[in-house]
Amino acid sequence: MNRLKHITALILMFLILWQSLVTFGDLPAFLLPPPSKVAQTLWHSRALLAEHAIVTGLEVLLGLVLGASIGAVTAVWLTASQLARHFVRPLLVFSQTIPVFALAPLLTLWLGYGLLSKVAMALLIIFFPVTSAFFDALMRTPAGWMEQARVMGGSYWRVMWLIRIPAALPGFASGLRLAAVYAPIGAIIGEWVGASKGLGYLMLLANGRAKIDLMFAALIVLAVFTLILHVVVDKGCQKLTRNHT
């Protein structure tokens, strides 16, 4: 309840500051529309915003699920294979030197303007933090637990499944929480490069037609969606780690 009060207070302070900036700065609406105008657009354009939000939401959720799944499998593979750690892990680190945003035009060229290229962008952004966090956690399994498992004659994969993976779930959860925040970025960048649907596409369309209030409305919908996604993922991670610790 206190957390909700704090969030409400912060939102009110932000709105007051926003309105004050528009009023006392005498800013024209095409530069910074007042909150009342954006709220009006949110209501009148709710069907349009919902239509595009569904597309972006689908891209983000698919990218999140695929990125987290592939990242988790990769982390387990790196943990199990010394050869992979020597050759594959450096390649993963090197891949982060290339801005993912720079790949968006290529992905659009290769995968088209539809859903697939946006999902791929979200997946690429999510993959590394999930893999890195989960792998680090898998490599830090308490030595006492591993020694006890060896004494009891546990096979490698049985130890991995029953001891190392459960012990590393907090690390996986940390990567997943980051992924929930990063995933919408990938989808929006992909939509900016080339799309016919989605909140990113709607922002560009509104900006090109000087409908800044609609652009702000789309941005607010995206921010609310990202916040809800983060809260849902966080609750799921708390439940996951609580059930395995």
C-alpha atoms as a PDB file:
ATOM      1  CA  MET A   1       0.000   0.000   0.000  1.00  0.00           C
ATOM      2  CA  ASN A   2       2.833   2.392   0.875  1.00  0.00           C
ATOM      3  CA  ARG A   3       4.551   1.578  -2.407  1.00  0.00           C
ATOM      4  CA  LEU A   4       1.362   2.458  -4.295  1.00  0.00           C
ATOM      5  CA  LYS A   5       1.146   5.769  -2.434  1.00  0.00           C
ATOM      6  CA  HIS A   6       4.744   6.591  -3.312  1.00  0.00           C
ATOM      7  CA  ILE A   7       4.176   5.789  -6.996  1.00  0.00           C
ATOM      8  CA  THR A   8       0.992   7.895  -7.035  1.00  0.00           C
ATOM      9  CA  ALA A   9       2.808  10.805  -5.394  1.00  0.00           C
ATOM     10  CA  LEU A  10       5.649  10.603  -7.927  1.00  0.00           C
ATOM     11  CA  ILE A  11       3.191  10.557 -10.840  1.00  0.00           C
ATOM     12  CA  LEU A  12       1.365  13.597  -9.445  1.00  0.00           C
ATOM     13  CA  MET A  13       4.639  15.474  -8.966  1.00  0.00           C
ATOM     14  CA  PHE A  14       5.668  14.635 -12.522  1.00  0.00           C
ATOM     15  CA  LEU A  15       2.331  15.851 -13.923  1.00  0.00           C
ATOM     16  CA  ILE A  16       2.536  19.095 -11.945  1.00  0.00           C
ATOM     17  CA  LEU A  17       6.085  19.685 -13.161  1.00  0.00           C
ATOM     18  CA  TRP A  18       5.034  18.898 -16.734  1.00  0.00           C
ATOM     19  CA  GLN A  19       2.057  21.285 -16.591  1.00  0.00           C
ATOM     20  CA  SER A  20       4.183  24.003 -14.959  1.00  0.00           C
ATOM     21  CA  LEU A  21       6.811  23.682 -17.683  1.00  0.00           C
ATOM     22  CA  VAL A  22       4.167  24.079 -20.396  1.00  0.00           C
ATOM     23  CA  THR A  23       2.404  26.967 -18.658  1.00  0.00           C
ATOM     24  CA  PHE A  24       5.296  29.067 -17.400  1.00  0.00           C
ATOM     25  CA  GLY A  25       7.616  28.196 -20.265  1.00  0.00           C
ATOM     26  CA  ASP A  26       4.907  29.185 -22.728  1.00  0.00           C
ATOM     27  CA  LEU A  27       5.752  26.166 -24.857  1.00  0.00           C
ATOM     28  CA  PRO A  28       3.668  25.523 -27.975  1.00  0.00           C
ATOM     29  CA  ALA A  29       1.711  22.278 -28.136  1.00  0.00           C
ATOM     30  CA  PHE A  30       3.735  21.022 -31.107  1.00  0.00           C
ATOM     31  CA  LEU A  31       6.813  20.999 -28.860  1.00  0.00           C
ATOM     32  CA  LEU A  32       5.319  19.832 -25.583  1.00  0.00           C
ATOM     33  CA  PRO A  33       1.561  19.302 -25.299  1.00  0.00           C
ATOM     34  CA  PRO A  34      -0.015  19.756 -21.857  1.00  0.00           C
ATOM     35  CA  PRO A  35      -0.967  16.646 -19.840  1.00  0.00           C
ATOM     36  CA  SER A  36      -4.659  17.424 -20.315  1.00  0.00           C
ATOM     37  CA  LYS A  37      -4.275  17.303 -24.114  1.00  0.00           C
ATOM     38  CA  VAL A  38      -2.367  13.988 -23.939  1.00  0.00           C
ATOM     39  CA  ALA A  39      -4.998  12.536 -21.582  1.00  0.00           C
ATOM     40  CA  GLN A  40      -7.716  13.605 -24.009  1.00  0.00           C
ATOM     41  CA  THR A  41      -5.869  11.925 -26.881  1.00  0.00           C
ATOM     42  CA  LEU A  42      -5.378   8.788 -24.802  1.00  0.00           C
ATOM     43  CA  TRP A  43      -9.130   8.532 -24.380  1.00  0.00           C
ATOM     44  CA  HIS A  44     -10.255   9.484 -27.876  1.00  0.00           C
ATOM     45  CA  SER A  45      -7.600   7.339 -29.572  1.00  0.00           C
ATOM     46  CA  ARG A  46      -7.893   4.391 -27.179  1.00  0.00           C
ATOM     47  CA  ALA A  47      -8.976   1.956 -29.917  1.00  0.00           C
ATOM     48  CA  LEU A  48      -6.068   2.963 -32.174  1.00  0.00           C
ATOM     49  CA  LEU A  49      -3.571   2.777 -29.309  1.00  0.00           C
ATOM     50  CA  ALA A  50      -4.906  -0.614 -28.196  1.00  0.00           C
ATOM     51  CA  GLU A  51      -4.623  -1.990 -31.745  1.00  0.00           C
ATOM     52  CA  HIS A  52      -0.955  -1.030 -31.997  1.00  0.00           C
ATOM     53  CA  ALA A  53      -0.192  -1.952 -28.379  1.00  0.00           C
ATOM     54  CA  ILE A  54      -1.388  -5.515 -28.985  1.00  0.00           C
ATOM     55  CA  VAL A  55       1.100  -5.890 -31.851  1.00  0.00           C
ATOM     56  CA  THR A  56       4.003  -4.510 -29.804  1.00  0.00           C
ATOM     57  CA  GLY A  57       2.972  -6.593 -26.800  1.00  0.00           C
ATOM     58  CA  LEU A  58       2.990  -9.779 -28.869  1.00  0.00           C
ATOM     59  CA  GLU A  59       6.454  -8.961 -30.235  1.00  0.00           C
ATOM     60  CA  VAL A  60       7.800  -8.285 -26.751  1.00  0.00           C
ATOM     61  CA  LEU A  61       6.293 -11.395 -25.150  1.00  0.00           C
ATOM     62  CA  LEU A  62       7.512 -13.707 -27.912  1.00  0.00           C
ATOM     63  CA  GLY A  63      10.977 -12.155 -27.770  1.00  0.00           C
ATOM     64  CA  LEU A  64      11.037 -12.448 -23.983  1.00  0.00           C
ATOM     65  CA  VAL A  65      10.024 -16.109 -23.941  1.00  0.00           C
ATOM     66  CA  LEU A  66      12.374 -17.123 -26.760  1.00  0.00           C
ATOM     67  CA  GLY A  67      15.292 -15.008 -25.520  1.00  0.00           C
ATOM     68  CA  ALA A  68      14.997 -16.254 -21.943  1.00  0.00           C
ATOM     69  CA  SER A  69      14.627 -19.891 -23.047  1.00  0.00           C
ATOM     70  CA  ILE A  70      17.566 -19.831 -25.461  1.00  0.00           C
ATOM     71  CA  GLY A  71      19.643 -17.875 -22.939  1.00  0.00           C
ATOM     72  CA  ALA A  72      18.962 -20.420 -20.189  1.00  0.00           C
ATOM     73  CA  VAL A  73      19.844 -23.373 -22.434  1.00  0.00           C
ATOM     74  CA  THR A  74      23.026 -21.616 -23.585  1.00  0.00           C
ATOM     75  CA  ALA A  75      24.062 -20.909 -19.980  1.00  0.00           C
ATOM     76  CA  VAL A  76      23.655 -24.584 -19.044  1.00  0.00           C
ATOM     77  CA  TRP A  77      25.627 -25.604 -22.152  1.00  0.00           C
ATOM     78  CA  LEU A  78      28.468 -23.214 -21.294  1.00  0.00           C
ATOM     79  CA  THR A  79      28.542 -24.570 -17.753  1.00  0.00           C
ATOM     80  CA  ALA A  80      28.643 -28.169 -18.936  1.00  0.00           C
ATOM     81  CA  SER A  81      31.208 -27.748 -21.721  1.00  0.00           C
ATOM     82  CA  GLN A  82      34.690 -26.399 -21.104  1.00  0.00           C
ATOM     83  CA  LEU A  83      35.211 -26.282 -24.866  1.00  0.00           C
ATOM     84  CA  ALA A  84      32.177 -24.027 -25.234  1.00  0.00           C
ATOM     85  CA  ARG A  85      33.479 -21.756 -22.487  1.00  0.00           C
ATOM     86  CA  HIS A  86      36.787 -21.387 -24.323  1.00  0.00           C
ATOM     87  CA  PHE A  87      35.367 -20.750 -27.796  1.00  0.00           C
ATOM     88  CA  VAL A  88      31.701 -19.744 -27.588  1.00  0.00           C
ATOM     89  CA  ARG A  89      31.741 -17.453 -24.573  1.00  0.00           C
ATOM     90  CA  PRO A  90      34.350 -15.075 -26.052  1.00  0.00           C
ATOM     91  CA  LEU A  91      32.198 -14.878 -29.174  1.00  0.00           C
ATOM     92  CA  LEU A  92      29.176 -13.951 -27.060  1.00  0.00           C
ATOM     93  CA  VAL A  93      31.159 -11.212 -25.334  1.00  0.00           C
ATOM     94  CA  PHE A  94      32.487  -9.966 -28.682  1.00  0.00           C
ATOM     95  CA  SER A  95      28.945  -9.846 -30.059  1.00  0.00           C
ATOM     96  CA  GLN A  96      28.121  -7.197 -27.451  1.00  0.00           C
ATOM     97  CA  THR A  97      30.653  -4.831 -29.011  1.00  0.00           C
ATOM     98  CA  ILE A  98      28.273  -4.518 -31.976  1.00  0.00           C
ATOM     99  CA  PRO A  99      25.328  -2.232 -31.138  1.00  0.00           C
ATOM    100  CA  VAL A 100      22.208  -4.339 -31.441  1.00  0.00           C
ATOM    101  CA  PHE A 101      20.364  -1.311 -32.828  1.00  0.00           C
ATOM    102  CA  ALA A 102      22.717  -1.336 -35.816  1.00  0.00           C
ATOM    103  CA  LEU A 103      21.458  -4.824 -36.681  1.00  0.00           C
ATOM    104  CA  ALA A 104      17.837  -3.706 -36.958  1.00  0.00           C
ATOM    105  CA  PRO A 105      18.052  -2.706 -40.651  1.00  0.00           C
ATOM    106  CA  LEU A 106      19.715  -6.031 -41.490  1.00  0.00           C
ATOM    107  CA  LEU A 107      17.113  -8.019 -39.568  1.00  0.00           C
ATOM    108  CA  THR A 108      14.360  -6.126 -41.355  1.00  0.00           C
ATOM    109  CA  LEU A 109      16.040  -6.842 -44.690  1.00  0.00           C
ATOM    110  CA  TRP A 110      16.478 -10.548 -43.927  1.00  0.00           C
ATOM    111  CA  LEU A 111      13.263 -11.258 -42.018  1.00  0.00           C
ATOM    112  CA  GLY A 112      10.891  -8.719 -43.528  1.00  0.00           C
ATOM    113  CA  TYR A 113       8.727  -5.940 -42.115  1.00  0.00           C
ATOM    114  CA  GLY A 114       6.464  -8.257 -40.167  1.00  0.00           C
ATOM    115  CA  LEU A 115       6.488  -9.753 -36.702  1.00  0.00           C
ATOM    116  CA  LEU A 116       9.601 -11.909 -37.080  1.00  0.00           C
ATOM    117  CA  SER A 117      12.198  -9.128 -37.356  1.00  0.00           C
ATOM    118  CA  LYS A 118      10.848  -7.372 -34.226  1.00  0.00           C
ATOM    119  CA  VAL A 119      10.829 -10.602 -32.225  1.00  0.00           C
ATOM    120  CA  ALA A 120      14.414 -11.219 -33.342  1.00  0.00           C
ATOM    121  CA  MET A 121      15.455  -7.737 -32.161  1.00  0.00           C
ATOM    122  CA  ALA A 122      13.862  -8.284 -28.749  1.00  0.00           C
ATOM    123  CA  LEU A 123      15.456 -11.739 -28.540  1.00  0.00           C
ATOM    124  CA  LEU A 124      18.951 -10.383 -29.279  1.00  0.00           C
ATOM    125  CA  ILE A 125      18.663  -7.721 -26.592  1.00  0.00           C
ATOM    126  CA  ILE A 126      17.363 -10.207 -24.018  1.00  0.00           C
ATOM    127  CA  PHE A 127      19.647 -13.135 -24.796  1.00  0.00           C
ATOM    128  CA  PHE A 128      22.968 -11.881 -23.428  1.00  0.00           C
ATOM    129  CA  PRO A 129      21.862 -10.572 -19.987  1.00  0.00           C
ATOM    130  CA  VAL A 130      19.886 -13.759 -19.287  1.00  0.00           C
ATOM    131  CA  THR A 131      22.744 -15.997 -20.456  1.00  0.00           C
ATOM    132  CA  SER A 132      25.379 -14.041 -18.540  1.00  0.00           C
ATOM    133  CA  ALA A 133      23.444 -13.813 -15.261  1.00  0.00           C
ATOM    134  CA  PHE A 134      22.389 -17.481 -15.301  1.00  0.00           C
ATOM    135  CA  PHE A 135      25.846 -18.734 -16.307  1.00  0.00           C
ATOM    136  CA  ASP A 136      27.569 -16.760 -13.538  1.00  0.00           C
ATOM    137  CA  ALA A 137      25.093 -18.154 -11.004  1.00  0.00           C
ATOM    138  CA  LEU A 138      25.588 -21.727 -12.271  1.00  0.00           C
ATOM    139  CA  MET A 139      29.350 -21.379 -11.869  1.00  0.00           C
ATOM    140  CA  ARG A 140      28.965 -20.187  -8.262  1.00  0.00           C
ATOM    141  CA  THR A 141      27.219 -23.257  -6.866  1.00  0.00           C
ATOM    142  CA  PRO A 142      28.328 -23.625  -3.203  1.00  0.00           C
ATOM    143  CA  ALA A 143      31.350 -25.927  -3.021  1.00  0.00           C
ATOM    144  CA  GLY A 144      29.909 -27.794  -0.029  1.00  0.00           C
ATOM    145  CA  TRP A 145      26.830 -28.783  -2.031  1.00  0.00           C
ATOM    146  CA  MET A 146      28.948 -30.063  -4.908  1.00  0.00           C
ATOM    147  CA  GLU A 147      31.187 -32.041  -2.565  1.00  0.00           C
ATOM    148  CA  GLN A 148      28.201 -33.645  -0.881  1.00  0.00           C
ATOM    149  CA  ALA A 149      26.721 -34.559  -4.282  1.00  0.00           C
ATOM    150  CA  ARG A 150      29.991 -36.221  -5.330  1.00  0.00           C
ATOM    151  CA  VAL A 151      30.136 -38.180  -2.064  1.00  0.00           C
ATOM    152  CA  MET A 152      26.587 -39.392  -2.696  1.00  0.00           C
ATOM    153  CA  GLY A 153      27.558 -40.535  -6.201  1.00  0.00           C
ATOM    154  CA  GLY A 154      25.324 -38.170  -8.161  1.00  0.00           C
ATOM    155  CA  SER A 155      25.798 -38.145 -11.936  1.00  0.00           C
ATOM    156  CA  TYR A 156      26.806 -34.887 -13.624  1.00  0.00           C
ATOM    157  CA  TRP A 157      23.417 -34.114 -15.159  1.00  0.00           C
ATOM    158  CA  ARG A 158      21.525 -35.210 -12.060  1.00  0.00           C
ATOM    159  CA  VAL A 159      23.627 -32.800 -10.007  1.00  0.00           C
ATOM    160  CA  MET A 160      23.048 -30.129 -12.627  1.00  0.00           C
ATOM    161  CA  TRP A 161      19.275 -30.589 -12.601  1.00  0.00           C
ATOM    162  CA  LEU A 162      18.752 -31.108  -8.864  1.00  0.00           C
ATOM    163  CA  ILE A 163      21.437 -28.862  -7.353  1.00  0.00           C
ATOM    164  CA  ARG A 164      23.132 -26.402  -9.692  1.00  0.00           C
ATOM    165  CA  ILE A 165      20.104 -25.136 -11.603  1.00  0.00           C
ATOM    166  CA  PRO A 166      17.906 -24.634  -8.489  1.00  0.00           C
ATOM    167  CA  ALA A 167      20.807 -22.885  -6.742  1.00  0.00           C
ATOM    168  CA  ALA A 168      21.289 -20.602  -9.764  1.00  0.00           C
ATOM    169  CA  LEU A 169      17.633 -19.590 -10.131  1.00  0.00           C
ATOM    170  CA  PRO A 170      18.140 -16.250  -8.327  1.00  0.00           C
ATOM    171  CA  GLY A 171      20.734 -15.363 -10.961  1.00  0.00           C
ATOM    172  CA  PHE A 172      18.367 -16.403 -13.746  1.00  0.00           C
ATOM    173  CA  ALA A 173      15.649 -14.295 -12.125  1.00  0.00           C
ATOM    174  CA  SER A 174      17.953 -11.239 -12.094  1.00  0.00           C
ATOM    175  CA  GLY A 175      18.624 -11.650 -15.804  1.00  0.00           C
ATOM    176  CA  LEU A 176      14.919 -12.109 -16.480  1.00  0.00           C
ATOM    177  CA  ARG A 177      14.039  -8.915 -14.610  1.00  0.00           C
ATOM    178  CA  LEU A 178      16.491  -6.994 -16.788  1.00  0.00           C
ATOM    179  CA  ALA A 179      15.109  -8.702 -19.875  1.00  0.00           C
ATOM    180  CA  ALA A 180      11.568  -7.538 -19.039  1.00  0.00           C
ATOM    181  CA  VAL A 181      12.777  -3.928 -19.192  1.00  0.00           C
ATOM    182  CA  TYR A 182      14.986  -4.344 -22.274  1.00  0.00           C
ATOM    183  CA  ALA A 183      12.577  -6.375 -24.414  1.00  0.00           C
ATOM    184  CA  PRO A 184      10.276  -3.459 -25.384  1.00  0.00           C
ATOM    185  CA  ILE A 185      13.350  -1.484 -26.523  1.00  0.00           C
ATOM    186  CA  GLY A 186      14.179  -4.133 -29.117  1.00  0.00           C
ATOM    187  CA  ALA A 187      10.622  -4.283 -30.425  1.00  0.00           C
ATOM    188  CA  ILE A 188      10.312  -0.494 -30.698  1.00  0.00           C
ATOM    189  CA  ILE A 189      13.671  -0.117 -32.488  1.00  0.00           C
ATOM    190  CA  GLY A 190      12.575  -2.794 -34.937  1.00  0.00           C
ATOM    191  CA  GLU A 191       9.310  -0.929 -35.562  1.00  0.00           C
ATOM    192  CA  TRP A 192      11.144   2.334 -36.119  1.00  0.00           C
ATOM    193  CA  VAL A 193      13.278   0.741 -38.831  1.00  0.00           C
ATOM    194  CA  GLY A 194      10.355  -0.771 -40.696  1.00  0.00           C
ATOM    195  CA  ALA A 195       6.819  -1.765 -39.714  1.00  0.00           C
ATOM    196  CA  SER A 196       3.176  -1.137 -40.473  1.00  0.00           C
ATOM    197  CA  LYS A 197       1.868  -1.808 -36.968  1.00  0.00           C
ATOM    198  CA  GLY A 198       2.978  -1.272 -33.385  1.00  0.00           C
ATOM    199  CA  LEU A 199       3.532   1.569 -30.935  1.00  0.00           C
ATOM    200  CA  GLY A 200       6.930   2.432 -32.415  1.00  0.00           C
ATOM    201  CA  TYR A 201       5.374   2.733 -35.869  1.00  0.00           C
ATOM    202  CA  LEU A 202       2.562   4.853 -34.425  1.00  0.00           C
ATOM    203  CA  MET A 203       5.088   7.201 -32.759  1.00  0.00           C
ATOM    204  CA  LEU A 204       6.886   7.779 -36.073  1.00  0.00           C
ATOM    205  CA  LEU A 205       3.588   8.261 -37.892  1.00  0.00           C
ATOM    206  CA  ALA A 206       2.346  10.756 -35.291  1.00  0.00           C
ATOM    207  CA  ASN A 207       5.637  12.647 -35.313  1.00  0.00           C
ATOM    208  CA  GLY A 208       5.622  12.897 -39.114  1.00  0.00           C
ATOM    209  CA  ARG A 209       2.097  14.344 -39.014  1.00  0.00           C
ATOM    210  CA  ALA A 210       2.964  16.718 -36.131  1.00  0.00           C
ATOM    211  CA  LYS A 211       0.510  14.946 -33.812  1.00  0.00           C
ATOM    212  CA  ILE A 212       2.788  15.245 -30.801  1.00  0.00           C
ATOM    213  CA  ASP A 213      -0.050  14.549 -28.372  1.00  0.00           C
ATOM    214  CA  LEU A 214      -0.605  11.160 -30.045  1.00  0.00           C
ATOM    215  CA  MET A 215       3.126  10.440 -29.922  1.00  0.00           C
ATOM    216  CA  PHE A 216       3.155  11.169 -26.179  1.00  0.00           C
ATOM    217  CA  ALA A 217       0.051   9.008 -25.725  1.00  0.00           C
ATOM    218  CA  ALA A 218       1.758   6.070 -27.457  1.00  0.00           C
ATOM    219  CA  LEU A 219       4.858   6.627 -25.322  1.00  0.00           C
ATOM    220  CA  ILE A 220       2.776   6.549 -22.137  1.00  0.00           C
ATOM    221  CA  VAL A 221       1.055   3.316 -23.219  1.00  0.00           C
ATOM    222  CA  LEU A 222       4.479   1.776 -23.875  1.00  0.00           C
ATOM    223  CA  ALA A 223       5.772   2.905 -20.467  1.00  0.00           C
ATOM    224  CA  VAL A 224       2.721   1.484 -18.684  1.00  0.00           C
ATOM    225  CA  PHE A 225       3.032  -1.802 -20.567  1.00  0.00           C
ATOM    226  CA  THR A 226       6.739  -2.065 -19.685  1.00  0.00           C
ATOM    227  CA  LEU A 227       6.000  -1.326 -16.035  1.00  0.00           C
ATOM    228  CA  ILE A 228       3.240  -3.959 -15.906  1.00  0.00           C
ATOM    229  CA  LEU A 229       5.491  -6.497 -17.639  1.00  0.00           C
ATOM    230  CA  HIS A 230       8.285  -5.820 -15.146  1.00  0.00           C
ATOM    231  CA  VAL A 231       5.918  -6.228 -12.177  1.00  0.00           C
ATOM    232  CA  VAL A 232       4.482  -9.494 -13.556  1.00  0.00           C
ATOM    233  CA  VAL A 233       7.939 -10.913 -14.296  1.00  0.00           C
ATOM    234  CA  ASP A 234       9.190  -9.808 -10.885  1.00  0.00           C
ATOM    235  CA  LYS A 235       6.294 -11.543  -9.120  1.00  0.00           C
ATOM    236  CA  GLY A 236       6.888 -14.678 -11.175  1.00  0.00           C
ATOM    237  CA  CYS A 237      10.610 -14.604 -10.341  1.00  0.00           C
ATOM    238  CA  GLN A 238       9.858 -14.224  -6.644  1.00  0.00           C
ATOM    239  CA  LYS A 239       7.572 -17.230  -6.769  1.00  0.00           C
ATOM    240  CA  LEU A 240      10.113 -19.240  -8.784  1.00  0.00           C
ATOM    241  CA  THR A 241      12.996 -18.581  -6.419  1.00  0.00           C
ATOM    242  CA  ARG A 242      10.833 -19.074  -3.320  1.00  0.00           C
ATOM    243  CA  ASN A 243       9.681 -22.487  -4.502  1.00  0.00           C
ATOM    244  CA  HIS A 244      13.264 -23.669  -5.169  1.00  0.00           C
ATOM    245  CA  THR A 245      15.155 -22.262  -2.213  1.00  0.00           C
END
